[in-house]
Amino acid sequence: MDRHDWLRERLGLMDHDQLDVSLLERVLLPNVDRLTCTDEEKAEILKRHEEALRRGSKTYIDPQTSFHVFTALSHLERGYCCENGCRHCPFVEGQRHR
């Protein structure tokens, strides 16, 4: 079992080839340019994001602002980058998932 198996299971992916590992990594770790805060704040954000992913939630509450933040799961369901600079967008700007 690799570190992405729980995520593949949450996304309903049984075939390891359906999403490449680099996309799975981007689901777990946001773009560093979109997460400008202290290391402690980053750790809390990543913790809340992963907890939300494990529950299958499409949003979580940002610990600093109390805003609802879309998880990578919601972005994957949309299937492409909307180019609004979303924190957890797993896509490269303009890229579509097939």
C-alpha atoms as a PDB file:
ATOM      1  CA  MET A   1       0.000   0.000   0.000  1.00  0.00           C
ATOM      2  CA  ASP A   2       1.465   3.373  -0.974  1.00  0.00           C
ATOM      3  CA  ARG A   3       0.776   6.764   0.571  1.00  0.00           C
ATOM      4  CA  HIS A   4      -1.839   7.595  -2.069  1.00  0.00           C
ATOM      5  CA  ASP A   5      -4.032   4.500  -1.658  1.00  0.00           C
ATOM      6  CA  TRP A   6      -6.483   6.167   0.768  1.00  0.00           C
ATOM      7  CA  LEU A   7      -6.843   9.060  -1.680  1.00  0.00           C
ATOM      8  CA  ARG A   8      -7.422   6.777  -4.668  1.00  0.00           C
ATOM      9  CA  GLU A   9     -10.035   4.947  -2.608  1.00  0.00           C
ATOM     10  CA  ARG A  10     -11.725   8.234  -1.599  1.00  0.00           C
ATOM     11  CA  LEU A  11     -11.805   9.313  -5.253  1.00  0.00           C
ATOM     12  CA  GLY A  12     -13.201   5.928  -6.281  1.00  0.00           C
ATOM     13  CA  LEU A  13     -10.088   4.989  -8.224  1.00  0.00           C
ATOM     14  CA  MET A  14      -9.172   1.343  -8.226  1.00  0.00           C
ATOM     15  CA  ASP A  15      -6.869   1.468 -11.260  1.00  0.00           C
ATOM     16  CA  HIS A  16      -3.540   3.082 -10.297  1.00  0.00           C
ATOM     17  CA  ASP A  17      -3.190   4.467 -13.825  1.00  0.00           C
ATOM     18  CA  GLN A  18      -6.341   6.634 -13.700  1.00  0.00           C
ATOM     19  CA  LEU A  19      -4.540   9.551 -12.023  1.00  0.00           C
ATOM     20  CA  ASP A  20      -0.782   9.888 -12.130  1.00  0.00           C
ATOM     21  CA  VAL A  21       1.205  10.229  -8.929  1.00  0.00           C
ATOM     22  CA  SER A  22       2.153  13.859  -9.653  1.00  0.00           C
ATOM     23  CA  LEU A  23      -1.533  14.823  -9.761  1.00  0.00           C
ATOM     24  CA  LEU A  24      -2.174  12.915  -6.532  1.00  0.00           C
ATOM     25  CA  GLU A  25       0.718  14.812  -4.915  1.00  0.00           C
ATOM     26  CA  ARG A  26      -0.807  18.123  -6.039  1.00  0.00           C
ATOM     27  CA  VAL A  27      -4.116  17.047  -4.486  1.00  0.00           C
ATOM     28  CA  LEU A  28      -2.385  16.613  -1.124  1.00  0.00           C
ATOM     29  CA  LEU A  29      -0.042  19.614  -1.255  1.00  0.00           C
ATOM     30  CA  PRO A  30      -1.179  23.024  -2.476  1.00  0.00           C
ATOM     31  CA  ASN A  31       0.860  25.258  -4.748  1.00  0.00           C
ATOM     32  CA  VAL A  32       3.433  26.897  -2.451  1.00  0.00           C
ATOM     33  CA  ASP A  33       2.888  30.263  -4.133  1.00  0.00           C
ATOM     34  CA  ARG A  34      -0.750  30.120  -3.020  1.00  0.00           C
ATOM     35  CA  LEU A  35       0.010  29.358   0.606  1.00  0.00           C
ATOM     36  CA  THR A  36       1.923  32.303   2.035  1.00  0.00           C
ATOM     37  CA  CYS A  37       1.907  32.004   5.805  1.00  0.00           C
ATOM     38  CA  THR A  38       4.025  30.692   8.668  1.00  0.00           C
ATOM     39  CA  ASP A  39       5.064  27.053   8.833  1.00  0.00           C
ATOM     40  CA  GLU A  40       2.710  26.526  11.783  1.00  0.00           C
ATOM     41  CA  GLU A  41      -0.222  27.992   9.836  1.00  0.00           C
ATOM     42  CA  LYS A  42       0.688  25.859   6.788  1.00  0.00           C
ATOM     43  CA  ALA A  43       0.706  22.738   8.934  1.00  0.00           C
ATOM     44  CA  GLU A  44      -2.777  23.541  10.278  1.00  0.00           C
ATOM     45  CA  ILE A  45      -4.125  24.272   6.780  1.00  0.00           C
ATOM     46  CA  LEU A  46      -2.680  21.031   5.380  1.00  0.00           C
ATOM     47  CA  LYS A  47      -4.101  19.107   8.346  1.00  0.00           C
ATOM     48  CA  ARG A  48      -7.589  20.578   7.830  1.00  0.00           C
ATOM     49  CA  HIS A  49      -7.411  19.975   4.075  1.00  0.00           C
ATOM     50  CA  GLU A  50      -6.402  16.324   4.476  1.00  0.00           C
ATOM     51  CA  GLU A  51      -9.103  15.757   7.126  1.00  0.00           C
ATOM     52  CA  ALA A  52     -11.686  17.211   4.735  1.00  0.00           C
ATOM     53  CA  LEU A  53     -10.411  15.022   1.875  1.00  0.00           C
ATOM     54  CA  ARG A  54     -10.613  11.922   4.042  1.00  0.00           C
ATOM     55  CA  ARG A  55     -14.249  12.794   4.879  1.00  0.00           C
ATOM     56  CA  GLY A  56     -14.983  13.450   1.214  1.00  0.00           C
ATOM     57  CA  SER A  57     -15.760  17.111   1.923  1.00  0.00           C
ATOM     58  CA  LYS A  58     -15.536  19.688  -0.824  1.00  0.00           C
ATOM     59  CA  THR A  59     -14.694  22.531   1.583  1.00  0.00           C
ATOM     60  CA  TYR A  60     -13.105  23.198   4.954  1.00  0.00           C
ATOM     61  CA  ILE A  61     -12.923  26.262   7.206  1.00  0.00           C
ATOM     62  CA  ASP A  62      -9.728  28.295   6.903  1.00  0.00           C
ATOM     63  CA  PRO A  63      -8.210  28.593  10.399  1.00  0.00           C
ATOM     64  CA  GLN A  64      -7.156  32.247   9.953  1.00  0.00           C
ATOM     65  CA  THR A  65     -10.121  33.760   8.088  1.00  0.00           C
ATOM     66  CA  SER A  66     -12.999  31.361   8.837  1.00  0.00           C
ATOM     67  CA  PHE A  67     -13.778  31.391   5.095  1.00  0.00           C
ATOM     68  CA  HIS A  68     -14.844  28.205   3.358  1.00  0.00           C
ATOM     69  CA  VAL A  69     -11.984  26.941   1.164  1.00  0.00           C
ATOM     70  CA  PHE A  70     -12.511  24.476  -1.687  1.00  0.00           C
ATOM     71  CA  THR A  71     -10.623  21.195  -1.309  1.00  0.00           C
ATOM     72  CA  ALA A  72      -8.760  19.592  -4.185  1.00  0.00           C
ATOM     73  CA  LEU A  73     -11.679  17.156  -4.417  1.00  0.00           C
ATOM     74  CA  SER A  74     -13.996  19.929  -5.577  1.00  0.00           C
ATOM     75  CA  HIS A  75     -11.436  21.006  -8.173  1.00  0.00           C
ATOM     76  CA  LEU A  76     -11.006  17.449  -9.451  1.00  0.00           C
ATOM     77  CA  GLU A  77     -14.762  17.158  -9.900  1.00  0.00           C
ATOM     78  CA  ARG A  78     -14.756  20.358 -11.971  1.00  0.00           C
ATOM     79  CA  GLY A  79     -11.962  18.825 -14.064  1.00  0.00           C
ATOM     80  CA  TYR A  80      -9.954  21.914 -14.994  1.00  0.00           C
ATOM     81  CA  CYS A  81      -8.236  25.003 -13.594  1.00  0.00           C
ATOM     82  CA  CYS A  82     -10.507  28.059 -13.484  1.00  0.00           C
ATOM     83  CA  GLU A  83      -7.380  30.271 -13.270  1.00  0.00           C
ATOM     84  CA  ASN A  84      -8.568  32.094 -10.124  1.00  0.00           C
ATOM     85  CA  GLY A  85      -5.514  31.063  -8.089  1.00  0.00           C
ATOM     86  CA  CYS A  86      -7.350  28.600  -5.841  1.00  0.00           C
ATOM     87  CA  ARG A  87      -5.206  27.317  -2.960  1.00  0.00           C
ATOM     88  CA  HIS A  88      -5.802  23.604  -3.553  1.00  0.00           C
ATOM     89  CA  CYS A  89      -6.128  23.498  -7.342  1.00  0.00           C
ATOM     90  CA  PRO A  90      -4.290  20.349  -8.453  1.00  0.00           C
ATOM     91  CA  PHE A  91      -4.133  21.461 -12.082  1.00  0.00           C
ATOM     92  CA  VAL A  92      -1.552  23.520 -13.878  1.00  0.00           C
ATOM     93  CA  GLU A  93      -3.324  26.654 -15.115  1.00  0.00           C
ATOM     94  CA  GLY A  94      -5.354  25.866 -18.199  1.00  0.00           C
ATOM     95  CA  GLN A  95      -4.872  22.088 -17.891  1.00  0.00           C
ATOM     96  CA  ARG A  96      -7.889  19.780 -18.122  1.00  0.00           C
ATOM     97  CA  HIS A  97      -8.267  16.343 -16.550  1.00  0.00           C
ATOM     98  CA  ARG A  98      -9.647  13.613 -18.786  1.00  0.00           C
END
